[in-house]
Amino acid sequence: MRSLIFVAAAAAFLMVGCTKKEEAAVTGKAAVGEKAVDTAKGAVGAAVAAATEMEVGCAKCTYKVETADHGPAVKIGDKVYALSGPGLAGKEHDFCAAPKKATITGKIDGDKFVATKIDFK
């Protein structure tokens, strides 16, 4: 009788665990560790806010983003962000031939990287 109760309790526990995993798959969020994911995203944002060496290239020519313009962009991880900031006005095609290295300070705002300072090397 005890083994039957144990088996029933174990089966119920496993079913609850499977439900959590299914919910996570549907919502696209981890059932456990969501705070860790948010903390990691915050750490990336903090690191980007500090002066960081990046490659600036044409969104269309360098990074092959389907856009209508040849604006400057930076790639952070697997995502390409349109770059805006001081000293970029009128330089839309300066990055088409080859990307350039720059030390950039700024932050990600949606699908754009808003730079507060850009120093090209």
PDB file of N, CA and C in Angstrom:
ATOM      1  N   MET A   1       0.821  -1.194   0.000  1.00  0.00           N
ATOM      2  CA  MET A   1       0.000   0.000   0.000  1.00  0.00           C
ATOM      3  C   MET A   1       0.865   1.259   0.000  1.00  0.00           C
ATOM      4  N   ARG A   2       1.945   1.251   0.784  1.00  0.00           N
ATOM      5  CA  ARG A   2       2.835   2.400   0.827  1.00  0.00           C
ATOM      6  C   ARG A   2       3.481   2.651  -0.533  1.00  0.00           C
ATOM      7  N   SER A   3       3.880   1.597  -1.207  1.00  0.00           N
ATOM      8  CA  SER A   3       4.523   1.773  -2.515  1.00  0.00           C
ATOM      9  C   SER A   3       3.535   2.350  -3.525  1.00  0.00           C
ATOM     10  N   LEU A   4       2.261   1.989  -3.425  1.00  0.00           N
ATOM     11  CA  LEU A   4       1.254   2.537  -4.326  1.00  0.00           C
ATOM     12  C   LEU A   4       1.084   4.037  -4.084  1.00  0.00           C
ATOM     13  N   ILE A   5       1.079   4.463  -2.839  1.00  0.00           N
ATOM     14  CA  ILE A   5       0.960   5.876  -2.498  1.00  0.00           C
ATOM     15  C   ILE A   5       2.209   6.624  -2.988  1.00  0.00           C
ATOM     16  N   PHE A   6       3.383   6.002  -2.797  1.00  0.00           N
ATOM     17  CA  PHE A   6       4.631   6.627  -3.255  1.00  0.00           C
ATOM     18  C   PHE A   6       4.632   6.814  -4.763  1.00  0.00           C
ATOM     19  N   VAL A   7       4.207   5.795  -5.502  1.00  0.00           N
ATOM     20  CA  VAL A   7       4.162   5.873  -6.970  1.00  0.00           C
ATOM     21  C   VAL A   7       3.182   6.961  -7.408  1.00  0.00           C
ATOM     22  N   ALA A   8       2.030   7.055  -6.771  1.00  0.00           N
ATOM     23  CA  ALA A   8       1.037   8.076  -7.114  1.00  0.00           C
ATOM     24  C   ALA A   8       1.585   9.479  -6.830  1.00  0.00           C
ATOM     25  N   ALA A   9       2.257   9.642  -5.705  1.00  0.00           N
ATOM     26  CA  ALA A   9       2.831  10.952  -5.363  1.00  0.00           C
ATOM     27  C   ALA A   9       3.928  11.331  -6.342  1.00  0.00           C
ATOM     28  N   ALA A  10       4.773  10.379  -6.718  1.00  0.00           N
ATOM     29  CA  ALA A  10       5.843  10.654  -7.671  1.00  0.00           C
ATOM     30  C   ALA A  10       5.273  11.028  -9.032  1.00  0.00           C
ATOM     31  N   ALA A  11       4.231  10.341  -9.465  1.00  0.00           N
ATOM     32  CA  ALA A  11       3.599  10.646 -10.752  1.00  0.00           C
ATOM     33  C   ALA A  11       2.997  12.049 -10.723  1.00  0.00           C
ATOM     34  N   ALA A  12       2.352  12.420  -9.637  1.00  0.00           N
ATOM     35  CA  ALA A  12       1.771  13.766  -9.523  1.00  0.00           C
ATOM     36  C   ALA A  12       2.862  14.826  -9.554  1.00  0.00           C
ATOM     37  N   PHE A  13       3.970  14.579  -8.893  1.00  0.00           N
ATOM     38  CA  PHE A  13       5.096  15.518  -8.880  1.00  0.00           C
ATOM     39  C   PHE A  13       5.658  15.703 -10.286  1.00  0.00           C
ATOM     40  N   LEU A  14       5.834  14.605 -10.999  1.00  0.00           N
ATOM     41  CA  LEU A  14       6.358  14.682 -12.368  1.00  0.00           C
ATOM     42  C   LEU A  14       5.402  15.428 -13.291  1.00  0.00           C
ATOM     43  N   MET A  15       4.111  15.221 -13.120  1.00  0.00           N
ATOM     44  CA  MET A  15       3.135  15.907 -13.965  1.00  0.00           C
ATOM     45  C   MET A  15       3.175  17.407 -13.727  1.00  0.00           C
ATOM     46  N   VAL A  16       3.345  17.832 -12.485  1.00  0.00           N
ATOM     47  CA  VAL A  16       3.436  19.254 -12.187  1.00  0.00           C
ATOM     48  C   VAL A  16       4.700  19.832 -12.811  1.00  0.00           C
ATOM     49  N   GLY A  17       5.815  19.113 -12.735  1.00  0.00           N
ATOM     50  CA  GLY A  17       7.065  19.562 -13.339  1.00  0.00           C
ATOM     51  C   GLY A  17       6.937  19.700 -14.848  1.00  0.00           C
ATOM     52  N   CYS A  18       6.257  18.759 -15.490  1.00  0.00           N
ATOM     53  CA  CYS A  18       6.065  18.831 -16.941  1.00  0.00           C
ATOM     54  C   CYS A  18       5.195  20.013 -17.317  1.00  0.00           C
ATOM     55  N   THR A  19       4.191  20.302 -16.515  1.00  0.00           N
ATOM     56  CA  THR A  19       3.312  21.436 -16.788  1.00  0.00           C
ATOM     57  C   THR A  19       4.102  22.731 -16.768  1.00  0.00           C
ATOM     58  N   LYS A  20       5.001  22.897 -15.806  1.00  0.00           N
ATOM     59  CA  LYS A  20       5.824  24.106 -15.727  1.00  0.00           C
ATOM     60  C   LYS A  20       6.677  24.251 -16.981  1.00  0.00           C
ATOM     61  N   LYS A  21       7.258  23.150 -17.463  1.00  0.00           N
ATOM     62  CA  LYS A  21       8.091  23.203 -18.663  1.00  0.00           C
ATOM     63  C   LYS A  21       7.254  23.578 -19.880  1.00  0.00           C
ATOM     64  N   GLU A  22       6.038  23.019 -19.965  1.00  0.00           N
ATOM     65  CA  GLU A  22       5.167  23.348 -21.093  1.00  0.00           C
ATOM     66  C   GLU A  22       4.774  24.820 -21.059  1.00  0.00           C
ATOM     67  N   GLU A  23       4.480  25.350 -19.859  1.00  0.00           N
ATOM     68  CA  GLU A  23       4.147  26.767 -19.736  1.00  0.00           C
ATOM     69  C   GLU A  23       5.320  27.625 -20.171  1.00  0.00           C
ATOM     70  N   ALA A  24       6.519  27.216 -19.807  1.00  0.00           N
ATOM     71  CA  ALA A  24       7.705  27.975 -20.191  1.00  0.00           C
ATOM     72  C   ALA A  24       7.874  27.964 -21.702  1.00  0.00           C
ATOM     73  N   ALA A  25       7.601  26.841 -22.339  1.00  0.00           N
ATOM     74  CA  ALA A  25       7.741  26.762 -23.794  1.00  0.00           C
ATOM     75  C   ALA A  25       6.710  27.642 -24.486  1.00  0.00           C
ATOM     76  N   VAL A  26       5.507  27.706 -23.950  1.00  0.00           N
ATOM     77  CA  VAL A  26       4.452  28.512 -24.563  1.00  0.00           C
ATOM     78  C   VAL A  26       4.729  29.996 -24.401  1.00  0.00           C
ATOM     79  N   THR A  27       5.172  30.409 -23.212  1.00  0.00           N
ATOM     80  CA  THR A  27       5.399  31.832 -22.971  1.00  0.00           C
ATOM     81  C   THR A  27       6.754  32.308 -23.450  1.00  0.00           C
ATOM     82  N   GLY A  28       7.675  31.374 -23.687  1.00  0.00           N
ATOM     83  CA  GLY A  28       9.010  31.751 -24.120  1.00  0.00           C
ATOM     84  C   GLY A  28       9.890  32.206 -22.966  1.00  0.00           C
ATOM     85  N   LYS A  29       9.452  31.962 -21.742  1.00  0.00           N
ATOM     86  CA  LYS A  29      10.220  32.360 -20.563  1.00  0.00           C
ATOM     87  C   LYS A  29      10.575  31.127 -19.754  1.00  0.00           C
ATOM     88  N   ALA A  30      11.661  31.194 -19.056  1.00  0.00           N
ATOM     89  CA  ALA A  30      12.072  30.096 -18.205  1.00  0.00           C
ATOM     90  C   ALA A  30      11.191  30.064 -16.969  1.00  0.00           C
ATOM     91  N   ALA A  31      10.724  28.872 -16.590  1.00  0.00           N
ATOM     92  CA  ALA A  31       9.898  28.743 -15.397  1.00  0.00           C
ATOM     93  C   ALA A  31      10.729  29.010 -14.156  1.00  0.00           C
ATOM     94  N   VAL A  32      11.996  28.645 -14.198  1.00  0.00           N
ATOM     95  CA  VAL A  32      12.905  28.875 -13.084  1.00  0.00           C
ATOM     96  C   VAL A  32      14.067  29.702 -13.617  1.00  0.00           C
ATOM     97  N   GLY A  33      14.485  30.688 -12.901  1.00  0.00           N
ATOM     98  CA  GLY A  33      15.655  31.460 -13.302  1.00  0.00           C
ATOM     99  C   GLY A  33      15.340  32.696 -14.121  1.00  0.00           C
ATOM    100  N   GLU A  34      14.082  33.147 -14.134  1.00  0.00           N
ATOM    101  CA  GLU A  34      13.741  34.355 -14.891  1.00  0.00           C
ATOM    102  C   GLU A  34      14.508  35.561 -14.361  1.00  0.00           C
ATOM    103  N   LYS A  35      14.716  35.613 -13.051  1.00  0.00           N
ATOM    104  CA  LYS A  35      15.463  36.724 -12.473  1.00  0.00           C
ATOM    105  C   LYS A  35      16.909  36.701 -12.951  1.00  0.00           C
ATOM    106  N   ALA A  36      17.470  35.511 -13.123  1.00  0.00           N
ATOM    107  CA  ALA A  36      18.848  35.405 -13.612  1.00  0.00           C
ATOM    108  C   ALA A  36      18.952  35.940 -15.032  1.00  0.00           C
ATOM    109  N   VAL A  37      17.944  35.669 -15.862  1.00  0.00           N
ATOM    110  CA  VAL A  37      17.938  36.173 -17.235  1.00  0.00           C
ATOM    111  C   VAL A  37      17.855  37.689 -17.228  1.00  0.00           C
ATOM    112  N   ASP A  38      16.973  38.255 -16.399  1.00  0.00           N
ATOM    113  CA  ASP A  38      16.848  39.708 -16.297  1.00  0.00           C
ATOM    114  C   ASP A  38      18.146  40.338 -15.803  1.00  0.00           C
ATOM    115  N   THR A  39      18.808  39.688 -14.844  1.00  0.00           N
ATOM    116  CA  THR A  39      20.077  40.195 -14.326  1.00  0.00           C
ATOM    117  C   THR A  39      21.135  40.188 -15.410  1.00  0.00           C
ATOM    118  N   ALA A  40      21.174  39.126 -16.216  1.00  0.00           N
ATOM    119  CA  ALA A  40      22.153  39.049 -17.303  1.00  0.00           C
ATOM    120  C   ALA A  40      21.904  40.144 -18.324  1.00  0.00           C
ATOM    121  N   LYS A  41      20.645  40.407 -18.667  1.00  0.00           N
ATOM    122  CA  LYS A  41      20.334  41.484 -19.611  1.00  0.00           C
ATOM    123  C   LYS A  41      20.775  42.825 -19.048  1.00  0.00           C
ATOM    124  N   GLY A  42      20.578  43.026 -17.758  1.00  0.00           N
ATOM    125  CA  GLY A  42      21.005  44.265 -17.121  1.00  0.00           C
ATOM    126  C   GLY A  42      22.514  44.423 -17.145  1.00  0.00           C
ATOM    127  N   ALA A  43      23.230  43.321 -16.980  1.00  0.00           N
ATOM    128  CA  ALA A  43      24.694  43.370 -17.006  1.00  0.00           C
ATOM    129  C   ALA A  43      25.191  43.745 -18.390  1.00  0.00           C
ATOM    130  N   VAL A  44      24.556  43.228 -19.437  1.00  0.00           N
ATOM    131  CA  VAL A  44      24.943  43.586 -20.804  1.00  0.00           C
ATOM    132  C   VAL A  44      24.707  45.073 -21.019  1.00  0.00           C
ATOM    133  N   GLY A  45      23.559  45.585 -20.573  1.00  0.00           N
ATOM    134  CA  GLY A  45      23.264  47.004 -20.713  1.00  0.00           C
ATOM    135  C   GLY A  45      24.270  47.862 -19.978  1.00  0.00           C
ATOM    136  N   ALA A  46      24.682  47.444 -18.790  1.00  0.00           N
ATOM    137  CA  ALA A  46      25.666  48.213 -18.017  1.00  0.00           C
ATOM    138  C   ALA A  46      27.017  48.192 -18.708  1.00  0.00           C
ATOM    139  N   ALA A  47      27.389  47.048 -19.267  1.00  0.00           N
ATOM    140  CA  ALA A  47      28.673  46.957 -19.954  1.00  0.00           C
ATOM    141  C   ALA A  47      28.687  47.826 -21.197  1.00  0.00           C
ATOM    142  N   VAL A  48      27.572  47.894 -21.890  1.00  0.00           N
ATOM    143  CA  VAL A  48      27.494  48.702 -23.098  1.00  0.00           C
ATOM    144  C   VAL A  48      27.503  50.184 -22.750  1.00  0.00           C
ATOM    145  N   ALA A  49      26.940  50.555 -21.613  1.00  0.00           N
ATOM    146  CA  ALA A  49      26.905  51.959 -21.206  1.00  0.00           C
ATOM    147  C   ALA A  49      28.306  52.501 -20.974  1.00  0.00           C
ATOM    148  N   ALA A  50      29.245  51.642 -20.603  1.00  0.00           N
ATOM    149  CA  ALA A  50      30.634  52.057 -20.428  1.00  0.00           C
ATOM    150  C   ALA A  50      31.293  52.121 -21.801  1.00  0.00           C
ATOM    151  N   ALA A  51      32.398  52.835 -21.896  1.00  0.00           N
ATOM    152  CA  ALA A  51      33.112  52.932 -23.175  1.00  0.00           C
ATOM    153  C   ALA A  51      33.552  51.537 -23.605  1.00  0.00           C
ATOM    154  N   THR A  52      33.130  51.136 -24.792  1.00  0.00           N
ATOM    155  CA  THR A  52      33.404  49.805 -25.304  1.00  0.00           C
ATOM    156  C   THR A  52      33.889  49.897 -26.740  1.00  0.00           C
ATOM    157  N   GLU A  53      34.918  49.114 -27.079  1.00  0.00           N
ATOM    158  CA  GLU A  53      35.387  49.092 -28.467  1.00  0.00           C
ATOM    159  C   GLU A  53      34.431  48.239 -29.288  1.00  0.00           C
ATOM    160  N   MET A  54      33.951  48.816 -30.384  1.00  0.00           N
ATOM    161  CA  MET A  54      33.005  48.136 -31.264  1.00  0.00           C
ATOM    162  C   MET A  54      33.388  48.355 -32.712  1.00  0.00           C
ATOM    163  N   GLU A  55      32.790  47.555 -33.557  1.00  0.00           N
ATOM    164  CA  GLU A  55      32.950  47.708 -34.999  1.00  0.00           C
ATOM    165  C   GLU A  55      31.699  48.407 -35.523  1.00  0.00           C
ATOM    166  N   VAL A  56      31.904  49.494 -36.264  1.00  0.00           N
ATOM    167  CA  VAL A  56      30.792  50.235 -36.857  1.00  0.00           C
ATOM    168  C   VAL A  56      30.824  49.954 -38.357  1.00  0.00           C
ATOM    169  N   GLY A  57      29.708  49.476 -38.875  1.00  0.00           N
ATOM    170  CA  GLY A  57      29.636  49.176 -40.297  1.00  0.00           C
ATOM    171  C   GLY A  57      28.303  49.583 -40.868  1.00  0.00           C
ATOM    172  N   CYS A  58      28.183  49.519 -42.176  1.00  0.00           N
ATOM    173  CA  CYS A  58      26.928  49.817 -42.849  1.00  0.00           C
ATOM    174  C   CYS A  58      25.923  48.702 -42.543  1.00  0.00           C
ATOM    175  N   ALA A  59      24.730  49.080 -42.101  1.00  0.00           N
ATOM    176  CA  ALA A  59      23.713  48.082 -41.771  1.00  0.00           C
ATOM    177  C   ALA A  59      23.414  47.188 -42.973  1.00  0.00           C
ATOM    178  N   LYS A  60      23.344  47.788 -44.145  1.00  0.00           N
ATOM    179  CA  LYS A  60      22.976  47.046 -45.346  1.00  0.00           C
ATOM    180  C   LYS A  60      24.163  46.296 -45.953  1.00  0.00           C
ATOM    181  N   CYS A  61      25.296  46.963 -46.119  1.00  0.00           N
ATOM    182  CA  CYS A  61      26.454  46.368 -46.804  1.00  0.00           C
ATOM    183  C   CYS A  61      27.267  45.431 -45.913  1.00  0.00           C
ATOM    184  N   THR A  62      27.541  45.843 -44.682  1.00  0.00           N
ATOM    185  CA  THR A  62      28.387  45.053 -43.787  1.00  0.00           C
ATOM    186  C   THR A  62      27.616  43.947 -43.094  1.00  0.00           C
ATOM    187  N   TYR A  63      26.441  44.298 -42.540  1.00  0.00           N
ATOM    188  CA  TYR A  63      25.702  43.350 -41.709  1.00  0.00           C
ATOM    189  C   TYR A  63      24.531  42.696 -42.431  1.00  0.00           C
ATOM    190  N   LYS A  64      24.314  43.058 -43.684  1.00  0.00           N
ATOM    191  CA  LYS A  64      23.279  42.435 -44.536  1.00  0.00           C
ATOM    192  C   LYS A  64      21.878  42.510 -43.936  1.00  0.00           C
ATOM    193  N   VAL A  65      21.567  43.648 -43.300  1.00  0.00           N
ATOM    194  CA  VAL A  65      20.237  43.873 -42.751  1.00  0.00           C
ATOM    195  C   VAL A  65      19.344  44.400 -43.870  1.00  0.00           C
ATOM    196  N   GLU A  66      18.163  43.854 -43.984  1.00  0.00           N
ATOM    197  CA  GLU A  66      17.220  44.282 -45.012  1.00  0.00           C
ATOM    198  C   GLU A  66      16.655  45.655 -44.625  1.00  0.00           C
ATOM    199  N   THR A  67      17.344  46.702 -45.031  1.00  0.00           N
ATOM    200  CA  THR A  67      16.888  48.061 -44.740  1.00  0.00           C
ATOM    201  C   THR A  67      16.869  48.872 -46.017  1.00  0.00           C
ATOM    202  N   ALA A  68      16.214  50.004 -45.948  1.00  0.00           N
ATOM    203  CA  ALA A  68      16.133  50.877 -47.119  1.00  0.00           C
ATOM    204  C   ALA A  68      17.311  51.838 -47.179  1.00  0.00           C
ATOM    205  N   ASP A  69      18.070  51.967 -46.093  1.00  0.00           N
ATOM    206  CA  ASP A  69      19.170  52.933 -46.086  1.00  0.00           C
ATOM    207  C   ASP A  69      20.503  52.264 -45.749  1.00  0.00           C
ATOM    208  N   HIS A  70      21.554  53.021 -45.931  1.00  0.00           N
ATOM    209  CA  HIS A  70      22.905  52.555 -45.653  1.00  0.00           C
ATOM    210  C   HIS A  70      23.426  53.189 -44.370  1.00  0.00           C
ATOM    211  N   GLY A  71      22.634  53.208 -43.329  1.00  0.00           N
ATOM    212  CA  GLY A  71      23.015  53.847 -42.078  1.00  0.00           C
ATOM    213  C   GLY A  71      24.025  53.043 -41.289  1.00  0.00           C
ATOM    214  N   PRO A  72      24.772  53.717 -40.418  1.00  0.00           N
ATOM    215  CA  PRO A  72      25.742  53.024 -39.581  1.00  0.00           C
ATOM    216  C   PRO A  72      25.047  52.134 -38.557  1.00  0.00           C
ATOM    217  N   ALA A  73      25.713  51.028 -38.214  1.00  0.00           N
ATOM    218  CA  ALA A  73      25.150  50.081 -37.257  1.00  0.00           C
ATOM    219  C   ALA A  73      26.282  49.415 -36.484  1.00  0.00           C
ATOM    220  N   VAL A  74      25.926  48.844 -35.338  1.00  0.00           N
ATOM    221  CA  VAL A  74      26.865  48.057 -34.536  1.00  0.00           C
ATOM    222  C   VAL A  74      26.232  46.699 -34.285  1.00  0.00           C
ATOM    223  N   LYS A  75      27.078  45.694 -34.142  1.00  0.00           N
ATOM    224  CA  LYS A  75      26.588  44.353 -33.848  1.00  0.00           C
ATOM    225  C   LYS A  75      26.997  43.998 -32.436  1.00  0.00           C
ATOM    226  N   ILE A  76      26.008  43.663 -31.614  1.00  0.00           N
ATOM    227  CA  ILE A  76      26.245  43.269 -30.234  1.00  0.00           C
ATOM    228  C   ILE A  76      25.642  41.886 -30.069  1.00  0.00           C
ATOM    229  N   GLY A  77      26.486  40.925 -29.822  1.00  0.00           N
ATOM    230  CA  GLY A  77      26.008  39.544 -29.774  1.00  0.00           C
ATOM    231  C   GLY A  77      25.567  39.130 -31.170  1.00  0.00           C
ATOM    232  N   ASP A  78      24.341  38.649 -31.283  1.00  0.00           N
ATOM    233  CA  ASP A  78      23.805  38.241 -32.576  1.00  0.00           C
ATOM    234  C   ASP A  78      22.884  39.288 -33.179  1.00  0.00           C
ATOM    235  N   LYS A  79      22.730  40.424 -32.531  1.00  0.00           N
ATOM    236  CA  LYS A  79      21.779  41.434 -32.988  1.00  0.00           C
ATOM    237  C   LYS A  79      22.508  42.674 -33.513  1.00  0.00           C
ATOM    238  N   VAL A  80      21.966  43.212 -34.604  1.00  0.00           N
ATOM    239  CA  VAL A  80      22.510  44.435 -35.200  1.00  0.00           C
ATOM    240  C   VAL A  80      21.610  45.592 -34.809  1.00  0.00           C
ATOM    241  N   TYR A  81      22.226  46.668 -34.323  1.00  0.00           N
ATOM    242  CA  TYR A  81      21.491  47.852 -33.895  1.00  0.00           C
ATOM    243  C   TYR A  81      21.883  49.039 -34.767  1.00  0.00           C
ATOM    244  N   ALA A  82      20.882  49.788 -35.225  1.00  0.00           N
ATOM    245  CA  ALA A  82      21.151  51.041 -35.937  1.00  0.00           C
ATOM    246  C   ALA A  82      21.852  51.970 -34.957  1.00  0.00           C
ATOM    247  N   LEU A  83      22.877  52.669 -35.429  1.00  0.00           N
ATOM    248  CA  LEU A  83      23.669  53.532 -34.560  1.00  0.00           C
ATOM    249  C   LEU A  83      23.325  54.987 -34.804  1.00  0.00           C
ATOM    250  N   SER A  84      23.073  55.705 -33.724  1.00  0.00           N
ATOM    251  CA  SER A  84      22.881  57.149 -33.817  1.00  0.00           C
ATOM    252  C   SER A  84      23.731  57.793 -32.740  1.00  0.00           C
ATOM    253  N   GLY A  85      24.171  59.016 -33.024  1.00  0.00           N
ATOM    254  CA  GLY A  85      24.982  59.704 -32.032  1.00  0.00           C
ATOM    255  C   GLY A  85      25.775  60.829 -32.640  1.00  0.00           C
ATOM    256  N   PRO A  86      26.591  61.479 -31.830  1.00  0.00           N
ATOM    257  CA  PRO A  86      27.357  62.641 -32.288  1.00  0.00           C
ATOM    258  C   PRO A  86      28.384  62.260 -33.356  1.00  0.00           C
ATOM    259  N   GLY A  87      28.483  63.088 -34.375  1.00  0.00           N
ATOM    260  CA  GLY A  87      29.483  62.901 -35.410  1.00  0.00           C
ATOM    261  C   GLY A  87      29.111  61.947 -36.528  1.00  0.00           C
ATOM    262  N   LEU A  88      27.876  61.483 -36.564  1.00  0.00           N
ATOM    263  CA  LEU A  88      27.480  60.530 -37.605  1.00  0.00           C
ATOM    264  C   LEU A  88      26.658  61.166 -38.726  1.00  0.00           C
ATOM    265  N   ALA A  89      26.163  62.360 -38.519  1.00  0.00           N
ATOM    266  CA  ALA A  89      25.317  63.008 -39.525  1.00  0.00           C
ATOM    267  C   ALA A  89      26.094  63.199 -40.827  1.00  0.00           C
ATOM    268  N   GLY A  90      25.479  62.795 -41.926  1.00  0.00           N
ATOM    269  CA  GLY A  90      26.084  62.954 -43.242  1.00  0.00           C
ATOM    270  C   GLY A  90      27.129  61.901 -43.583  1.00  0.00           C
ATOM    271  N   LYS A  91      27.290  60.886 -42.747  1.00  0.00           N
ATOM    272  CA  LYS A  91      28.294  59.847 -42.993  1.00  0.00           C
ATOM    273  C   LYS A  91      27.645  58.501 -43.311  1.00  0.00           C
ATOM    274  N   GLU A  92      26.450  58.527 -43.909  1.00  0.00           N
ATOM    275  CA  GLU A  92      25.716  57.300 -44.156  1.00  0.00           C
ATOM    276  C   GLU A  92      26.505  56.293 -44.982  1.00  0.00           C
ATOM    277  N   HIS A  93      27.242  56.745 -45.985  1.00  0.00           N
ATOM    278  CA  HIS A  93      27.957  55.824 -46.872  1.00  0.00           C
ATOM    279  C   HIS A  93      29.428  55.641 -46.494  1.00  0.00           C
ATOM    280  N   ASP A  94      29.885  56.249 -45.401  1.00  0.00           N
ATOM    281  CA  ASP A  94      31.285  56.114 -44.979  1.00  0.00           C
ATOM    282  C   ASP A  94      31.617  54.699 -44.504  1.00  0.00           C
ATOM    283  N   PHE A  95      30.606  53.904 -44.202  1.00  0.00           N
ATOM    284  CA  PHE A  95      30.837  52.576 -43.633  1.00  0.00           C
ATOM    285  C   PHE A  95      30.509  51.453 -44.620  1.00  0.00           C
ATOM    286  N   CYS A  96      30.187  51.799 -45.865  1.00  0.00           N
ATOM    287  CA  CYS A  96      29.817  50.792 -46.867  1.00  0.00           C
ATOM    288  C   CYS A  96      31.025  49.983 -47.343  1.00  0.00           C
ATOM    289  N   ALA A  97      32.153  50.634 -47.546  1.00  0.00           N
ATOM    290  CA  ALA A  97      33.333  49.952 -48.081  1.00  0.00           C
ATOM    291  C   ALA A  97      33.952  49.009 -47.053  1.00  0.00           C
ATOM    292  N   ALA A  98      34.066  49.468 -45.828  1.00  0.00           N
ATOM    293  CA  ALA A  98      34.677  48.646 -44.780  1.00  0.00           C
ATOM    294  C   ALA A  98      34.241  49.157 -43.414  1.00  0.00           C
ATOM    295  N   PRO A  99      34.034  48.252 -42.473  1.00  0.00           N
ATOM    296  CA  PRO A  99      33.687  48.690 -41.118  1.00  0.00           C
ATOM    297  C   PRO A  99      34.883  49.370 -40.448  1.00  0.00           C
ATOM    298  N   LYS A 100      34.601  50.192 -39.453  1.00  0.00           N
ATOM    299  CA  LYS A 100      35.644  50.918 -38.725  1.00  0.00           C
ATOM    300  C   LYS A 100      35.534  50.612 -37.241  1.00  0.00           C
ATOM    301  N   LYS A 101      36.661  50.583 -36.570  1.00  0.00           N
ATOM    302  CA  LYS A 101      36.696  50.380 -35.120  1.00  0.00           C
ATOM    303  C   LYS A 101      36.463  51.713 -34.421  1.00  0.00           C
ATOM    304  N   ALA A 102      35.718  51.666 -33.331  1.00  0.00           N
ATOM    305  CA  ALA A 102      35.450  52.879 -32.559  1.00  0.00           C
ATOM    306  C   ALA A 102      35.234  52.509 -31.100  1.00  0.00           C
ATOM    307  N   THR A 103      35.564  53.432 -30.235  1.00  0.00           N
ATOM    308  CA  THR A 103      35.224  53.291 -28.823  1.00  0.00           C
ATOM    309  C   THR A 103      33.941  54.077 -28.624  1.00  0.00           C
ATOM    310  N   ILE A 104      32.912  53.380 -28.162  1.00  0.00           N
ATOM    311  CA  ILE A 104      31.576  53.975 -28.105  1.00  0.00           C
ATOM    312  C   ILE A 104      31.022  53.879 -26.688  1.00  0.00           C
ATOM    313  N   THR A 105      30.408  54.965 -26.253  1.00  0.00           N
ATOM    314  CA  THR A 105      29.674  55.003 -24.995  1.00  0.00           C
ATOM    315  C   THR A 105      28.226  55.295 -25.340  1.00  0.00           C
ATOM    316  N   GLY A 106      27.308  54.554 -24.755  1.00  0.00           N
ATOM    317  CA  GLY A 106      25.902  54.770 -25.037  1.00  0.00           C
ATOM    318  C   GLY A 106      25.058  53.645 -24.491  1.00  0.00           C
ATOM    319  N   LYS A 107      23.845  53.518 -25.036  1.00  0.00           N
ATOM    320  CA  LYS A 107      22.941  52.474 -24.543  1.00  0.00           C
ATOM    321  C   LYS A 107      22.007  52.019 -25.653  1.00  0.00           C
ATOM    322  N   ILE A 108      21.463  50.839 -25.460  1.00  0.00           N
ATOM    323  CA  ILE A 108      20.496  50.270 -26.396  1.00  0.00           C
ATOM    324  C   ILE A 108      19.130  50.842 -26.055  1.00  0.00           C
ATOM    325  N   ASP A 109      18.438  51.319 -27.082  1.00  0.00           N
ATOM    326  CA  ASP A 109      17.088  51.850 -26.925  1.00  0.00           C
ATOM    327  C   ASP A 109      16.213  51.204 -27.993  1.00  0.00           C
ATOM    328  N   GLY A 110      15.554  50.119 -27.639  1.00  0.00           N
ATOM    329  CA  GLY A 110      14.739  49.379 -28.604  1.00  0.00           C
ATOM    330  C   GLY A 110      15.620  48.676 -29.615  1.00  0.00           C
ATOM    331  N   ASP A 111      15.479  49.020 -30.897  1.00  0.00           N
ATOM    332  CA  ASP A 111      16.312  48.411 -31.941  1.00  0.00           C
ATOM    333  C   ASP A 111      17.430  49.347 -32.387  1.00  0.00           C
ATOM    334  N   LYS A 112      17.704  50.372 -31.581  1.00  0.00           N
ATOM    335  CA  LYS A 112      18.761  51.333 -31.900  1.00  0.00           C
ATOM    336  C   LYS A 112      19.782  51.392 -30.774  1.00  0.00           C
ATOM    337  N   PHE A 113      21.013  51.725 -31.148  1.00  0.00           N
ATOM    338  CA  PHE A 113      22.047  51.999 -30.156  1.00  0.00           C
ATOM    339  C   PHE A 113      22.279  53.501 -30.191  1.00  0.00           C
ATOM    340  N   VAL A 114      21.968  54.175 -29.097  1.00  0.00           N
ATOM    341  CA  VAL A 114      22.110  55.623 -29.004  1.00  0.00           C
ATOM    342  C   VAL A 114      23.433  55.915 -28.305  1.00  0.00           C
ATOM    343  N   ALA A 115      24.378  56.427 -29.085  1.00  0.00           N
ATOM    344  CA  ALA A 115      25.702  56.716 -28.548  1.00  0.00           C
ATOM    345  C   ALA A 115      25.741  58.131 -27.984  1.00  0.00           C
ATOM    346  N   THR A 116      26.423  58.261 -26.858  1.00  0.00           N
ATOM    347  CA  THR A 116      26.643  59.599 -26.286  1.00  0.00           C
ATOM    348  C   THR A 116      28.030  60.109 -26.662  1.00  0.00           C
ATOM    349  N   LYS A 117      28.940  59.161 -27.006  1.00  0.00           N
ATOM    350  CA  LYS A 117      30.292  59.530 -27.420  1.00  0.00           C
ATOM    351  C   LYS A 117      30.832  58.455 -28.350  1.00  0.00           C
ATOM    352  N   ILE A 118      31.440  58.886 -29.472  1.00  0.00           N
ATOM    353  CA  ILE A 118      32.042  57.961 -30.432  1.00  0.00           C
ATOM    354  C   ILE A 118      33.436  58.470 -30.772  1.00  0.00           C
ATOM    355  N   ASP A 119      34.437  57.630 -30.563  1.00  0.00           N
ATOM    356  CA  ASP A 119      35.819  57.949 -30.927  1.00  0.00           C
ATOM    357  C   ASP A 119      36.300  56.902 -31.922  1.00  0.00           C
ATOM    358  N   PHE A 120      36.431  57.310 -33.215  1.00  0.00           N
ATOM    359  CA  PHE A 120      36.916  56.390 -34.232  1.00  0.00           C
ATOM    360  C   PHE A 120      38.415  56.239 -34.120  1.00  0.00           C
ATOM    361  N   LYS A 121      38.911  55.062 -34.400  1.00  0.00           N
ATOM    362  CA  LYS A 121      40.357  54.789 -34.319  1.00  0.00           C
ATOM    363  C   LYS A 121      40.990  54.944 -35.666  1.00  0.00           C
TER     364      LYS A 121
END
